[in-house]
Amino acid sequence: MVATDYSVGLEETPSLSVLVLGVGGAGCNSINRLNNLGIYGAETIAVNTDREHLSNVSADTRMLIGKELNRGLGAGGDPRLGERCAESAGSGFKSLFKEADLVFVTAGLGGGTGTGAAPVVCSIAQRCKSMVISIVTMPFRWEGSSKRRLAMRSLKKIESCSNSTIVLENDTLMDVVPDLPVDQGFGVMDSLISDLIKSVTETVTLPSLINLDFNDLRSVLGSGGVSTLMRGQASIDEPLRVVEEASRNPFLPVDYKGAKKALIHVTGGTDFSLRHMDQVVSKVTSELDPKAGVIFGARVDPQYQHKIKLMSILTGFDNVSDAVKQHGGSSIRYVC
């Protein structure tokens, strides 16, 4: 009797290609932190017009753009120059995105490089048929209305060529960690951005007990409309608290009632039981539309012994306001 090798063809299947790009100073700072944390299944790329800043960033790849326009000296707070620098590197970005399935773009808006170059990067990635998830930070209110207008103009462009855009307000730092030293305060935002990217990426790249894949992510974010992302962690002794923590995150305030689609992933240690899983998922789905389509995944990871971690993306809201909460006078939106 001849044994059948059912693994034939597996080696011919290309693995999922995930790229994470930090554009400009703030974006590169986030990439630096993410690269130091380590991320499974993704390549980190730092993109800047400032040669000196870029040389100090830890990333798999570093891209200096526009050196023929500014000699590697930065964009000087001019978004138009940042845009031109990105356009001059268009062929390089096209080559980069040629085989990319999922592209994350993170940038701080209001300055020169991030504000001007990030929309160009997102647009090229979209034209290359990549799924694009953007995570951007908005300037502090005391930076002035002029910077805010530049940031909003850039945000509209980014939203138009991204499958999902997560907007974070720097002002929230003043509500949450006002007394931290400046570098540690900005580190909180970098840490959040890094953790968001790491959570979404590893949800679809790491093997799970109940697996979620890239097409699951695409099915949730591919239909347009508004989406929200929630994430939280709590003790396994209080499984419902992880949902409460996720929905009360000051940086990611979520109102997910009535969502028509949800991708839910729960991670726990070896003490993570079916009862814990049922409690967490039932709590999330109880707020969704009764006919909502739910895609669910679960992973057992010894690092989460005695803990539960929740990551969920929800979409399909009737009104944009359903997915928007006000925090400290600033509106945080999630648009796909």
C-alpha atoms as a PDB file:
ATOM      1  CA  MET A   1       0.000   0.000   0.000  1.00  0.00           C
ATOM      2  CA  VAL A   2       1.450   3.369  -1.055  1.00  0.00           C
ATOM      3  CA  ALA A   3       1.183   6.166   1.509  1.00  0.00           C
ATOM      4  CA  THR A   4      -0.317   9.407   0.286  1.00  0.00           C
ATOM      5  CA  ASP A   5       1.581  12.590   1.087  1.00  0.00           C
ATOM      6  CA  TYR A   6      -1.083  15.143   1.869  1.00  0.00           C
ATOM      7  CA  SER A   7       1.545  17.868   2.340  1.00  0.00           C
ATOM      8  CA  VAL A   8       2.174  18.099  -1.403  1.00  0.00           C
ATOM      9  CA  GLY A   9       1.771  21.690  -2.535  1.00  0.00           C
ATOM     10  CA  LEU A  10       2.169  23.250   0.913  1.00  0.00           C
ATOM     11  CA  GLU A  11       5.704  24.324   0.140  1.00  0.00           C
ATOM     12  CA  GLU A  12       4.423  26.073  -3.005  1.00  0.00           C
ATOM     13  CA  THR A  13       1.958  28.243  -1.101  1.00  0.00           C
ATOM     14  CA  PRO A  14       3.429  31.715  -0.449  1.00  0.00           C
ATOM     15  CA  SER A  15       3.249  32.909   3.140  1.00  0.00           C
ATOM     16  CA  LEU A  16       1.296  36.023   4.066  1.00  0.00           C
ATOM     17  CA  SER A  17       3.332  39.168   3.417  1.00  0.00           C
ATOM     18  CA  VAL A  18       2.836  41.839   6.096  1.00  0.00           C
ATOM     19  CA  LEU A  19       4.690  45.163   6.020  1.00  0.00           C
ATOM     20  CA  VAL A  20       4.666  47.783   8.776  1.00  0.00           C
ATOM     21  CA  LEU A  21       5.821  51.247   7.695  1.00  0.00           C
ATOM     22  CA  GLY A  22       6.535  54.172   9.995  1.00  0.00           C
ATOM     23  CA  VAL A  23       6.526  57.422   8.014  1.00  0.00           C
ATOM     24  CA  GLY A  24       8.220  60.537   9.410  1.00  0.00           C
ATOM     25  CA  GLY A  25       9.659  61.128  12.871  1.00  0.00           C
ATOM     26  CA  ALA A  26       6.722  59.932  14.973  1.00  0.00           C
ATOM     27  CA  GLY A  27       6.064  56.963  12.700  1.00  0.00           C
ATOM     28  CA  CYS A  28       9.717  55.902  12.843  1.00  0.00           C
ATOM     29  CA  ASN A  29       9.674  56.155  16.658  1.00  0.00           C
ATOM     30  CA  SER A  30       6.776  53.689  16.705  1.00  0.00           C
ATOM     31  CA  ILE A  31       8.640  51.372  14.314  1.00  0.00           C
ATOM     32  CA  ASN A  32      11.709  51.539  16.542  1.00  0.00           C
ATOM     33  CA  ARG A  33       9.679  50.394  19.550  1.00  0.00           C
ATOM     34  CA  LEU A  34       7.841  47.719  17.561  1.00  0.00           C
ATOM     35  CA  ASN A  35      11.075  46.351  16.150  1.00  0.00           C
ATOM     36  CA  ASN A  36      12.563  46.150  19.651  1.00  0.00           C
ATOM     37  CA  LEU A  37       9.455  44.353  20.924  1.00  0.00           C
ATOM     38  CA  GLY A  38       9.596  41.874  18.064  1.00  0.00           C
ATOM     39  CA  ILE A  39       6.659  41.025  15.839  1.00  0.00           C
ATOM     40  CA  TYR A  40       5.960  37.631  14.324  1.00  0.00           C
ATOM     41  CA  GLY A  41       5.294  37.475  10.599  1.00  0.00           C
ATOM     42  CA  ALA A  42       5.898  41.109   9.635  1.00  0.00           C
ATOM     43  CA  GLU A  43       8.704  43.241   8.213  1.00  0.00           C
ATOM     44  CA  THR A  44       9.291  46.671   9.770  1.00  0.00           C
ATOM     45  CA  ILE A  45      10.224  49.588   7.501  1.00  0.00           C
ATOM     46  CA  ALA A  46      11.243  53.069   8.651  1.00  0.00           C
ATOM     47  CA  VAL A  47      10.645  55.858   6.104  1.00  0.00           C
ATOM     48  CA  ASN A  48      11.926  59.396   6.591  1.00  0.00           C
ATOM     49  CA  THR A  49      13.345  62.465   4.868  1.00  0.00           C
ATOM     50  CA  ASP A  50      15.747  63.060   7.789  1.00  0.00           C
ATOM     51  CA  ARG A  51      18.932  61.022   7.389  1.00  0.00           C
ATOM     52  CA  GLU A  52      20.195  61.616  10.949  1.00  0.00           C
ATOM     53  CA  HIS A  53      16.942  60.573  12.638  1.00  0.00           C
ATOM     54  CA  LEU A  54      16.606  57.554  10.355  1.00  0.00           C
ATOM     55  CA  SER A  55      20.122  56.350  11.162  1.00  0.00           C
ATOM     56  CA  ASN A  56      19.132  55.931  14.821  1.00  0.00           C
ATOM     57  CA  VAL A  57      15.981  53.875  14.123  1.00  0.00           C
ATOM     58  CA  SER A  58      15.928  50.101  14.555  1.00  0.00           C
ATOM     59  CA  ALA A  59      14.019  48.477  11.655  1.00  0.00           C
ATOM     60  CA  ASP A  60      14.339  45.619   9.182  1.00  0.00           C
ATOM     61  CA  THR A  61      14.602  48.191   6.382  1.00  0.00           C
ATOM     62  CA  ARG A  62      15.302  51.939   6.450  1.00  0.00           C
ATOM     63  CA  MET A  63      14.235  54.135   3.513  1.00  0.00           C
ATOM     64  CA  LEU A  64      15.593  57.643   3.078  1.00  0.00           C
ATOM     65  CA  ILE A  65      13.287  59.418   0.625  1.00  0.00           C
ATOM     66  CA  GLY A  66      13.761  62.665  -1.292  1.00  0.00           C
ATOM     67  CA  LYS A  67      17.482  63.100  -0.717  1.00  0.00           C
ATOM     68  CA  GLU A  68      17.790  64.726  -4.151  1.00  0.00           C
ATOM     69  CA  LEU A  69      15.255  67.329  -3.010  1.00  0.00           C
ATOM     70  CA  ASN A  70      16.417  68.085   0.532  1.00  0.00           C
ATOM     71  CA  ARG A  71      19.842  66.384   0.885  1.00  0.00           C
ATOM     72  CA  GLY A  72      18.482  64.202   3.670  1.00  0.00           C
ATOM     73  CA  LEU A  73      17.822  67.152   5.969  1.00  0.00           C
ATOM     74  CA  GLY A  74      14.101  66.570   6.611  1.00  0.00           C
ATOM     75  CA  ALA A  75      10.962  68.302   5.367  1.00  0.00           C
ATOM     76  CA  GLY A  76      11.176  71.332   7.662  1.00  0.00           C
ATOM     77  CA  GLY A  77       7.521  71.062   8.640  1.00  0.00           C
ATOM     78  CA  ASP A  78       6.423  71.443   4.998  1.00  0.00           C
ATOM     79  CA  PRO A  79       3.895  68.725   4.009  1.00  0.00           C
ATOM     80  CA  ARG A  80       4.236  69.623   0.334  1.00  0.00           C
ATOM     81  CA  LEU A  81       7.959  68.827   0.476  1.00  0.00           C
ATOM     82  CA  GLY A  82       7.178  65.601   2.345  1.00  0.00           C
ATOM     83  CA  GLU A  83       4.698  64.695  -0.398  1.00  0.00           C
ATOM     84  CA  ARG A  84       7.202  65.401  -3.165  1.00  0.00           C
ATOM     85  CA  CYS A  85       9.857  63.312  -1.400  1.00  0.00           C
ATOM     86  CA  ALA A  86       7.454  60.363  -1.219  1.00  0.00           C
ATOM     87  CA  GLU A  87       6.459  60.773  -4.855  1.00  0.00           C
ATOM     88  CA  SER A  88      10.127  60.773  -5.873  1.00  0.00           C
ATOM     89  CA  ALA A  89      10.449  57.353  -4.214  1.00  0.00           C
ATOM     90  CA  GLY A  90       7.321  56.000  -5.931  1.00  0.00           C
ATOM     91  CA  SER A  91       9.091  53.243  -7.843  1.00  0.00           C
ATOM     92  CA  GLY A  92      10.728  52.032  -4.643  1.00  0.00           C
ATOM     93  CA  PHE A  93       7.365  51.856  -2.857  1.00  0.00           C
ATOM     94  CA  LYS A  94       5.766  50.039  -5.798  1.00  0.00           C
ATOM     95  CA  SER A  95       8.513  47.440  -5.678  1.00  0.00           C
ATOM     96  CA  LEU A  96       8.086  47.151  -1.913  1.00  0.00           C
ATOM     97  CA  PHE A  97       4.314  46.632  -2.104  1.00  0.00           C
ATOM     98  CA  LYS A  98       4.328  44.349  -5.149  1.00  0.00           C
ATOM     99  CA  GLU A  99       3.819  41.163  -3.124  1.00  0.00           C
ATOM    100  CA  ALA A 100       2.441  42.713   0.090  1.00  0.00           C
ATOM    101  CA  ASP A 101      -0.904  41.372   1.340  1.00  0.00           C
ATOM    102  CA  LEU A 102      -1.307  43.613   4.398  1.00  0.00           C
ATOM    103  CA  VAL A 103       0.325  47.014   4.902  1.00  0.00           C
ATOM    104  CA  PHE A 104       0.247  49.015   8.123  1.00  0.00           C
ATOM    105  CA  VAL A 105       1.170  52.696   7.855  1.00  0.00           C
ATOM    106  CA  THR A 106       1.759  54.742  11.006  1.00  0.00           C
ATOM    107  CA  ALA A 107       2.535  58.457  11.101  1.00  0.00           C
ATOM    108  CA  GLY A 108       2.171  61.583  13.206  1.00  0.00           C
ATOM    109  CA  LEU A 109       0.173  64.291  11.424  1.00  0.00           C
ATOM    110  CA  GLY A 110       0.739  68.026  11.560  1.00  0.00           C
ATOM    111  CA  GLY A 111       4.404  68.185  10.584  1.00  0.00           C
ATOM    112  CA  GLY A 112       6.154  67.765   7.250  1.00  0.00           C
ATOM    113  CA  THR A 113       7.127  64.205   6.372  1.00  0.00           C
ATOM    114  CA  GLY A 114       4.343  62.211   8.041  1.00  0.00           C
ATOM    115  CA  THR A 115       1.641  64.648   6.935  1.00  0.00           C
ATOM    116  CA  GLY A 116       2.791  64.873   3.333  1.00  0.00           C
ATOM    117  CA  ALA A 117       4.268  61.447   2.674  1.00  0.00           C
ATOM    118  CA  ALA A 118       1.847  59.111   4.483  1.00  0.00           C
ATOM    119  CA  PRO A 119      -1.073  59.693   2.049  1.00  0.00           C
ATOM    120  CA  VAL A 120       1.260  58.970  -0.886  1.00  0.00           C
ATOM    121  CA  VAL A 121       2.478  55.746   0.737  1.00  0.00           C
ATOM    122  CA  CYS A 122      -1.106  54.601   1.455  1.00  0.00           C
ATOM    123  CA  SER A 123      -2.217  55.423  -2.083  1.00  0.00           C
ATOM    124  CA  ILE A 124       0.607  53.452  -3.696  1.00  0.00           C
ATOM    125  CA  ALA A 125      -0.038  50.465  -1.401  1.00  0.00           C
ATOM    126  CA  GLN A 126      -3.734  50.524  -2.292  1.00  0.00           C
ATOM    127  CA  ARG A 127      -2.993  50.670  -6.015  1.00  0.00           C
ATOM    128  CA  CYS A 128      -0.737  47.636  -5.534  1.00  0.00           C
ATOM    129  CA  LYS A 129      -3.826  45.773  -4.210  1.00  0.00           C
ATOM    130  CA  SER A 130      -2.570  45.563  -0.609  1.00  0.00           C
ATOM    131  CA  MET A 131      -4.977  45.816   2.316  1.00  0.00           C
ATOM    132  CA  VAL A 132      -4.039  49.071   4.076  1.00  0.00           C
ATOM    133  CA  ILE A 133      -4.527  49.793   7.789  1.00  0.00           C
ATOM    134  CA  SER A 134      -3.391  53.251   8.885  1.00  0.00           C
ATOM    135  CA  ILE A 135      -2.724  54.400  12.444  1.00  0.00           C
ATOM    136  CA  VAL A 136      -2.150  58.142  12.831  1.00  0.00           C
ATOM    137  CA  THR A 137      -1.747  60.585  15.712  1.00  0.00           C
ATOM    138  CA  MET A 138      -3.221  64.094  15.703  1.00  0.00           C
ATOM    139  CA  PRO A 139      -1.331  67.151  17.054  1.00  0.00           C
ATOM    140  CA  PHE A 140      -1.887  68.585  20.524  1.00  0.00           C
ATOM    141  CA  ARG A 141      -4.446  71.390  20.678  1.00  0.00           C
ATOM    142  CA  TRP A 142      -1.736  73.825  21.781  1.00  0.00           C
ATOM    143  CA  GLU A 143       0.164  73.219  18.539  1.00  0.00           C
ATOM    144  CA  GLY A 144      -2.304  75.562  16.891  1.00  0.00           C
ATOM    145  CA  SER A 145      -5.130  75.542  14.372  1.00  0.00           C
ATOM    146  CA  SER A 146      -2.780  75.698  11.395  1.00  0.00           C
ATOM    147  CA  LYS A 147      -1.193  72.329  12.245  1.00  0.00           C
ATOM    148  CA  ARG A 148      -4.623  70.900  12.964  1.00  0.00           C
ATOM    149  CA  ARG A 149      -5.872  71.940   9.514  1.00  0.00           C
ATOM    150  CA  LEU A 150      -2.836  70.356   7.857  1.00  0.00           C
ATOM    151  CA  ALA A 151      -3.397  67.189   9.870  1.00  0.00           C
ATOM    152  CA  MET A 152      -7.101  67.015   8.963  1.00  0.00           C
ATOM    153  CA  ARG A 153      -6.345  67.553   5.283  1.00  0.00           C
ATOM    154  CA  SER A 154      -3.817  64.708   5.374  1.00  0.00           C
ATOM    155  CA  LEU A 155      -6.197  62.484   7.353  1.00  0.00           C
ATOM    156  CA  LYS A 156      -8.906  62.800   4.687  1.00  0.00           C
ATOM    157  CA  LYS A 157      -6.431  61.694   2.029  1.00  0.00           C
ATOM    158  CA  ILE A 158      -5.253  58.766   4.163  1.00  0.00           C
ATOM    159  CA  GLU A 159      -8.827  57.636   4.868  1.00  0.00           C
ATOM    160  CA  SER A 160      -9.651  57.689   1.152  1.00  0.00           C
ATOM    161  CA  CYS A 161      -6.953  55.103   0.369  1.00  0.00           C
ATOM    162  CA  SER A 162      -7.007  52.905   3.494  1.00  0.00           C
ATOM    163  CA  ASN A 163      -9.235  49.967   4.369  1.00  0.00           C
ATOM    164  CA  SER A 164      -9.170  51.079   7.989  1.00  0.00           C
ATOM    165  CA  THR A 165      -7.852  54.200   9.705  1.00  0.00           C
ATOM    166  CA  ILE A 166      -7.322  54.448  13.457  1.00  0.00           C
ATOM    167  CA  VAL A 167      -6.986  58.029  14.697  1.00  0.00           C
ATOM    168  CA  LEU A 168      -5.319  58.682  18.051  1.00  0.00           C
ATOM    169  CA  GLU A 169      -5.351  62.071  19.769  1.00  0.00           C
ATOM    170  CA  ASN A 170      -2.139  63.259  21.432  1.00  0.00           C
ATOM    171  CA  ASP A 171      -4.344  65.363  23.727  1.00  0.00           C
ATOM    172  CA  THR A 172      -5.481  62.144  25.407  1.00  0.00           C
ATOM    173  CA  LEU A 173      -1.988  61.878  26.915  1.00  0.00           C
ATOM    174  CA  MET A 174      -2.793  65.000  28.954  1.00  0.00           C
ATOM    175  CA  ASP A 175      -5.825  63.242  30.417  1.00  0.00           C
ATOM    176  CA  VAL A 176      -4.128  59.921  31.113  1.00  0.00           C
ATOM    177  CA  VAL A 177      -0.421  60.548  31.894  1.00  0.00           C
ATOM    178  CA  PRO A 178      -0.002  64.344  32.351  1.00  0.00           C
ATOM    179  CA  ASP A 179       2.795  64.053  34.942  1.00  0.00           C
ATOM    180  CA  LEU A 180       5.059  61.621  33.116  1.00  0.00           C
ATOM    181  CA  PRO A 181       8.352  62.961  31.707  1.00  0.00           C
ATOM    182  CA  VAL A 182       7.945  63.978  28.062  1.00  0.00           C
ATOM    183  CA  ASP A 183       9.872  61.051  26.577  1.00  0.00           C
ATOM    184  CA  GLN A 184       7.925  58.540  28.679  1.00  0.00           C
ATOM    185  CA  GLY A 185       4.628  60.232  27.798  1.00  0.00           C
ATOM    186  CA  PHE A 186       5.240  59.885  24.076  1.00  0.00           C
ATOM    187  CA  GLY A 187       6.473  56.370  24.787  1.00  0.00           C
ATOM    188  CA  VAL A 188       2.952  55.525  25.994  1.00  0.00           C
ATOM    189  CA  MET A 189       1.554  56.435  22.558  1.00  0.00           C
ATOM    190  CA  ASP A 190       4.342  54.564  20.748  1.00  0.00           C
ATOM    191  CA  SER A 191       3.658  51.543  22.929  1.00  0.00           C
ATOM    192  CA  LEU A 192      -0.059  51.652  22.134  1.00  0.00           C
ATOM    193  CA  ILE A 193       0.545  51.892  18.380  1.00  0.00           C
ATOM    194  CA  SER A 194       3.074  49.073  18.510  1.00  0.00           C
ATOM    195  CA  ASP A 195       0.738  46.870  20.529  1.00  0.00           C
ATOM    196  CA  LEU A 196      -2.182  47.501  18.157  1.00  0.00           C
ATOM    197  CA  ILE A 197      -0.117  46.510  15.127  1.00  0.00           C
ATOM    198  CA  LYS A 198       1.376  43.513  16.920  1.00  0.00           C
ATOM    199  CA  SER A 199      -2.071  42.334  18.094  1.00  0.00           C
ATOM    200  CA  VAL A 200      -3.710  42.482  14.661  1.00  0.00           C
ATOM    201  CA  THR A 201      -0.705  41.028  12.819  1.00  0.00           C
ATOM    202  CA  GLU A 202      -0.106  38.108  15.163  1.00  0.00           C
ATOM    203  CA  THR A 203      -3.839  37.327  15.232  1.00  0.00           C
ATOM    204  CA  VAL A 204      -3.655  36.357  11.556  1.00  0.00           C
ATOM    205  CA  THR A 205      -0.044  35.105  11.334  1.00  0.00           C
ATOM    206  CA  LEU A 206       0.421  33.002  14.473  1.00  0.00           C
ATOM    207  CA  PRO A 207      -1.256  29.569  14.539  1.00  0.00           C
ATOM    208  CA  SER A 208      -4.207  29.379  16.926  1.00  0.00           C
ATOM    209  CA  LEU A 209      -6.317  26.680  18.517  1.00  0.00           C
ATOM    210  CA  ILE A 210      -9.232  28.185  16.566  1.00  0.00           C
ATOM    211  CA  ASN A 211      -7.511  29.937  13.701  1.00  0.00           C
ATOM    212  CA  LEU A 212      -8.155  33.321  12.089  1.00  0.00           C
ATOM    213  CA  ASP A 213      -6.565  34.072   8.736  1.00  0.00           C
ATOM    214  CA  PHE A 214      -6.023  37.016   6.431  1.00  0.00           C
ATOM    215  CA  ASN A 215      -9.234  36.398   4.497  1.00  0.00           C
ATOM    216  CA  ASP A 216     -11.159  36.557   7.791  1.00  0.00           C
ATOM    217  CA  LEU A 217      -9.672  40.013   8.357  1.00  0.00           C
ATOM    218  CA  ARG A 218     -10.462  41.030   4.788  1.00  0.00           C
ATOM    219  CA  SER A 219     -14.074  39.837   5.093  1.00  0.00           C
ATOM    220  CA  VAL A 220     -14.613  42.112   8.110  1.00  0.00           C
ATOM    221  CA  LEU A 221     -12.842  45.214   6.773  1.00  0.00           C
ATOM    222  CA  GLY A 222     -13.543  44.807   3.076  1.00  0.00           C
ATOM    223  CA  SER A 223     -17.156  46.007   3.000  1.00  0.00           C
ATOM    224  CA  GLY A 224     -16.532  49.672   3.805  1.00  0.00           C
ATOM    225  CA  GLY A 225     -18.230  51.822   6.415  1.00  0.00           C
ATOM    226  CA  VAL A 226     -17.056  52.455   9.950  1.00  0.00           C
ATOM    227  CA  SER A 227     -15.033  50.019  12.043  1.00  0.00           C
ATOM    228  CA  THR A 228     -13.817  50.016  15.633  1.00  0.00           C
ATOM    229  CA  LEU A 229     -11.014  48.126  17.287  1.00  0.00           C
ATOM    230  CA  MET A 230     -11.040  47.069  20.923  1.00  0.00           C
ATOM    231  CA  ARG A 231      -8.355  45.360  22.960  1.00  0.00           C
ATOM    232  CA  GLY A 232      -7.947  44.590  26.642  1.00  0.00           C
ATOM    233  CA  GLN A 233      -6.418  42.262  29.188  1.00  0.00           C
ATOM    234  CA  ALA A 234      -7.598  41.049  32.588  1.00  0.00           C
ATOM    235  CA  SER A 235      -7.184  38.299  35.163  1.00  0.00           C
ATOM    236  CA  ILE A 236      -8.711  34.955  34.258  1.00  0.00           C
ATOM    237  CA  ASP A 237     -10.602  35.147  37.543  1.00  0.00           C
ATOM    238  CA  GLU A 238     -12.619  38.050  36.091  1.00  0.00           C
ATOM    239  CA  PRO A 239     -13.220  37.092  32.444  1.00  0.00           C
ATOM    240  CA  LEU A 240     -15.935  39.700  31.873  1.00  0.00           C
ATOM    241  CA  ARG A 241     -13.602  42.440  32.999  1.00  0.00           C
ATOM    242  CA  VAL A 242     -11.492  42.014  29.854  1.00  0.00           C
ATOM    243  CA  VAL A 243     -14.461  43.247  27.794  1.00  0.00           C
ATOM    244  CA  GLU A 244     -15.034  46.167  30.154  1.00  0.00           C
ATOM    245  CA  GLU A 245     -11.341  47.092  30.015  1.00  0.00           C
ATOM    246  CA  ALA A 246     -11.346  46.909  26.219  1.00  0.00           C
ATOM    247  CA  SER A 247     -14.386  49.159  25.856  1.00  0.00           C
ATOM    248  CA  ARG A 248     -13.102  51.703  28.416  1.00  0.00           C
ATOM    249  CA  ASN A 249      -9.623  52.194  26.971  1.00  0.00           C
ATOM    250  CA  PRO A 250      -9.168  56.023  26.994  1.00  0.00           C
ATOM    251  CA  PHE A 251      -7.134  55.930  23.789  1.00  0.00           C
ATOM    252  CA  LEU A 252      -9.560  53.609  21.999  1.00  0.00           C
ATOM    253  CA  PRO A 253     -13.024  54.429  23.363  1.00  0.00           C
ATOM    254  CA  VAL A 254     -15.463  52.029  21.744  1.00  0.00           C
ATOM    255  CA  ASP A 255     -19.225  51.971  21.359  1.00  0.00           C
ATOM    256  CA  TYR A 256     -19.851  48.820  19.381  1.00  0.00           C
ATOM    257  CA  LYS A 257     -23.601  48.368  19.857  1.00  0.00           C
ATOM    258  CA  GLY A 258     -25.337  47.263  16.679  1.00  0.00           C
ATOM    259  CA  ALA A 259     -22.211  46.233  14.765  1.00  0.00           C
ATOM    260  CA  LYS A 260     -23.088  43.800  11.976  1.00  0.00           C
ATOM    261  CA  LYS A 261     -19.686  42.133  11.634  1.00  0.00           C
ATOM    262  CA  ALA A 262     -17.089  41.148  14.205  1.00  0.00           C
ATOM    263  CA  LEU A 263     -13.717  39.463  14.254  1.00  0.00           C
ATOM    264  CA  ILE A 264     -13.010  38.342  17.831  1.00  0.00           C
ATOM    265  CA  HIS A 265      -9.797  36.762  19.082  1.00  0.00           C
ATOM    266  CA  VAL A 266      -9.187  35.629  22.661  1.00  0.00           C
ATOM    267  CA  THR A 267      -5.881  34.470  24.141  1.00  0.00           C
ATOM    268  CA  GLY A 268      -5.332  32.706  27.461  1.00  0.00           C
ATOM    269  CA  GLY A 269      -2.928  30.373  29.239  1.00  0.00           C
ATOM    270  CA  THR A 270      -3.283  26.654  29.865  1.00  0.00           C
ATOM    271  CA  ASP A 271      -5.923  27.480  32.496  1.00  0.00           C
ATOM    272  CA  PHE A 272      -8.109  29.132  29.818  1.00  0.00           C
ATOM    273  CA  SER A 273     -11.322  27.066  29.741  1.00  0.00           C
ATOM    274  CA  LEU A 274     -14.355  26.751  27.478  1.00  0.00           C
ATOM    275  CA  ARG A 275     -16.375  28.530  30.149  1.00  0.00           C
ATOM    276  CA  HIS A 276     -14.000  31.514  30.124  1.00  0.00           C
ATOM    277  CA  MET A 277     -14.129  31.630  26.329  1.00  0.00           C
ATOM    278  CA  ASP A 278     -17.936  31.483  26.314  1.00  0.00           C
ATOM    279  CA  GLN A 279     -18.240  34.276  28.875  1.00  0.00           C
ATOM    280  CA  VAL A 280     -15.974  36.673  27.006  1.00  0.00           C
ATOM    281  CA  VAL A 281     -17.347  36.060  23.510  1.00  0.00           C
ATOM    282  CA  SER A 282     -20.981  36.053  24.720  1.00  0.00           C
ATOM    283  CA  LYS A 283     -20.414  39.419  26.417  1.00  0.00           C
ATOM    284  CA  VAL A 284     -19.058  40.969  23.215  1.00  0.00           C
ATOM    285  CA  THR A 285     -21.687  39.481  20.897  1.00  0.00           C
ATOM    286  CA  SER A 286     -24.565  40.436  23.222  1.00  0.00           C
ATOM    287  CA  GLU A 287     -24.096  44.064  22.099  1.00  0.00           C
ATOM    288  CA  LEU A 288     -23.970  43.307  18.385  1.00  0.00           C
ATOM    289  CA  ASP A 289     -26.784  43.252  15.850  1.00  0.00           C
ATOM    290  CA  PRO A 290     -28.787  40.017  16.440  1.00  0.00           C
ATOM    291  CA  LYS A 291     -27.938  38.912  12.883  1.00  0.00           C
ATOM    292  CA  ALA A 292     -24.281  39.921  13.065  1.00  0.00           C
ATOM    293  CA  GLY A 293     -21.723  37.756  11.339  1.00  0.00           C
ATOM    294  CA  VAL A 294     -19.075  36.728  13.868  1.00  0.00           C
ATOM    295  CA  ILE A 295     -15.656  35.250  13.082  1.00  0.00           C
ATOM    296  CA  PHE A 296     -13.967  33.862  16.167  1.00  0.00           C
ATOM    297  CA  GLY A 297     -10.487  32.656  17.043  1.00  0.00           C
ATOM    298  CA  ALA A 298      -8.738  31.490  20.213  1.00  0.00           C
ATOM    299  CA  ARG A 299      -5.145  30.786  21.202  1.00  0.00           C
ATOM    300  CA  VAL A 300      -3.516  29.116  24.200  1.00  0.00           C
ATOM    301  CA  ASP A 301      -0.244  30.869  25.037  1.00  0.00           C
ATOM    302  CA  PRO A 302       1.735  30.080  28.230  1.00  0.00           C
ATOM    303  CA  GLN A 303       2.723  33.763  28.437  1.00  0.00           C
ATOM    304  CA  TYR A 304      -0.900  34.539  29.336  1.00  0.00           C
ATOM    305  CA  GLN A 305      -1.165  32.119  32.240  1.00  0.00           C
ATOM    306  CA  HIS A 306      -3.837  33.383  34.671  1.00  0.00           C
ATOM    307  CA  LYS A 307      -4.723  36.118  32.144  1.00  0.00           C
ATOM    308  CA  ILE A 308      -7.100  36.679  29.228  1.00  0.00           C
ATOM    309  CA  LYS A 309      -6.422  38.998  26.273  1.00  0.00           C
ATOM    310  CA  LEU A 310      -9.142  40.199  23.902  1.00  0.00           C
ATOM    311  CA  MET A 311      -8.661  41.731  20.455  1.00  0.00           C
ATOM    312  CA  SER A 312     -11.727  42.494  18.355  1.00  0.00           C
ATOM    313  CA  ILE A 313     -12.484  44.412  15.166  1.00  0.00           C
ATOM    314  CA  LEU A 314     -16.121  45.375  14.670  1.00  0.00           C
ATOM    315  CA  THR A 315     -17.812  46.981  11.686  1.00  0.00           C
ATOM    316  CA  GLY A 316     -21.158  47.447   9.939  1.00  0.00           C
ATOM    317  CA  PHE A 317     -22.620  50.429  11.791  1.00  0.00           C
ATOM    318  CA  ASP A 318     -25.715  52.229  10.545  1.00  0.00           C
ATOM    319  CA  ASN A 319     -24.362  55.633  11.569  1.00  0.00           C
ATOM    320  CA  VAL A 320     -20.837  56.998  11.820  1.00  0.00           C
ATOM    321  CA  SER A 321     -21.703  58.398  15.256  1.00  0.00           C
ATOM    322  CA  ASP A 322     -22.357  54.851  16.512  1.00  0.00           C
ATOM    323  CA  ALA A 323     -18.617  54.198  16.442  1.00  0.00           C
ATOM    324  CA  VAL A 324     -17.470  57.570  17.782  1.00  0.00           C
ATOM    325  CA  LYS A 325     -17.062  58.513  21.421  1.00  0.00           C
ATOM    326  CA  GLN A 326     -15.975  61.826  22.821  1.00  0.00           C
ATOM    327  CA  HIS A 327     -12.996  61.866  25.167  1.00  0.00           C
ATOM    328  CA  GLY A 328     -11.492  65.078  26.523  1.00  0.00           C
ATOM    329  CA  GLY A 329     -13.198  67.068  23.785  1.00  0.00           C
ATOM    330  CA  SER A 330     -11.486  65.086  21.030  1.00  0.00           C
ATOM    331  CA  SER A 331     -13.236  62.755  18.612  1.00  0.00           C
ATOM    332  CA  ILE A 332     -11.553  59.468  17.830  1.00  0.00           C
ATOM    333  CA  ARG A 333     -12.735  57.801  14.634  1.00  0.00           C
ATOM    334  CA  TYR A 334     -12.173  54.463  12.981  1.00  0.00           C
ATOM    335  CA  VAL A 335     -12.918  54.442   9.297  1.00  0.00           C
ATOM    336  CA  CYS A 336     -12.604  51.542   6.880  1.00  0.00           C
END
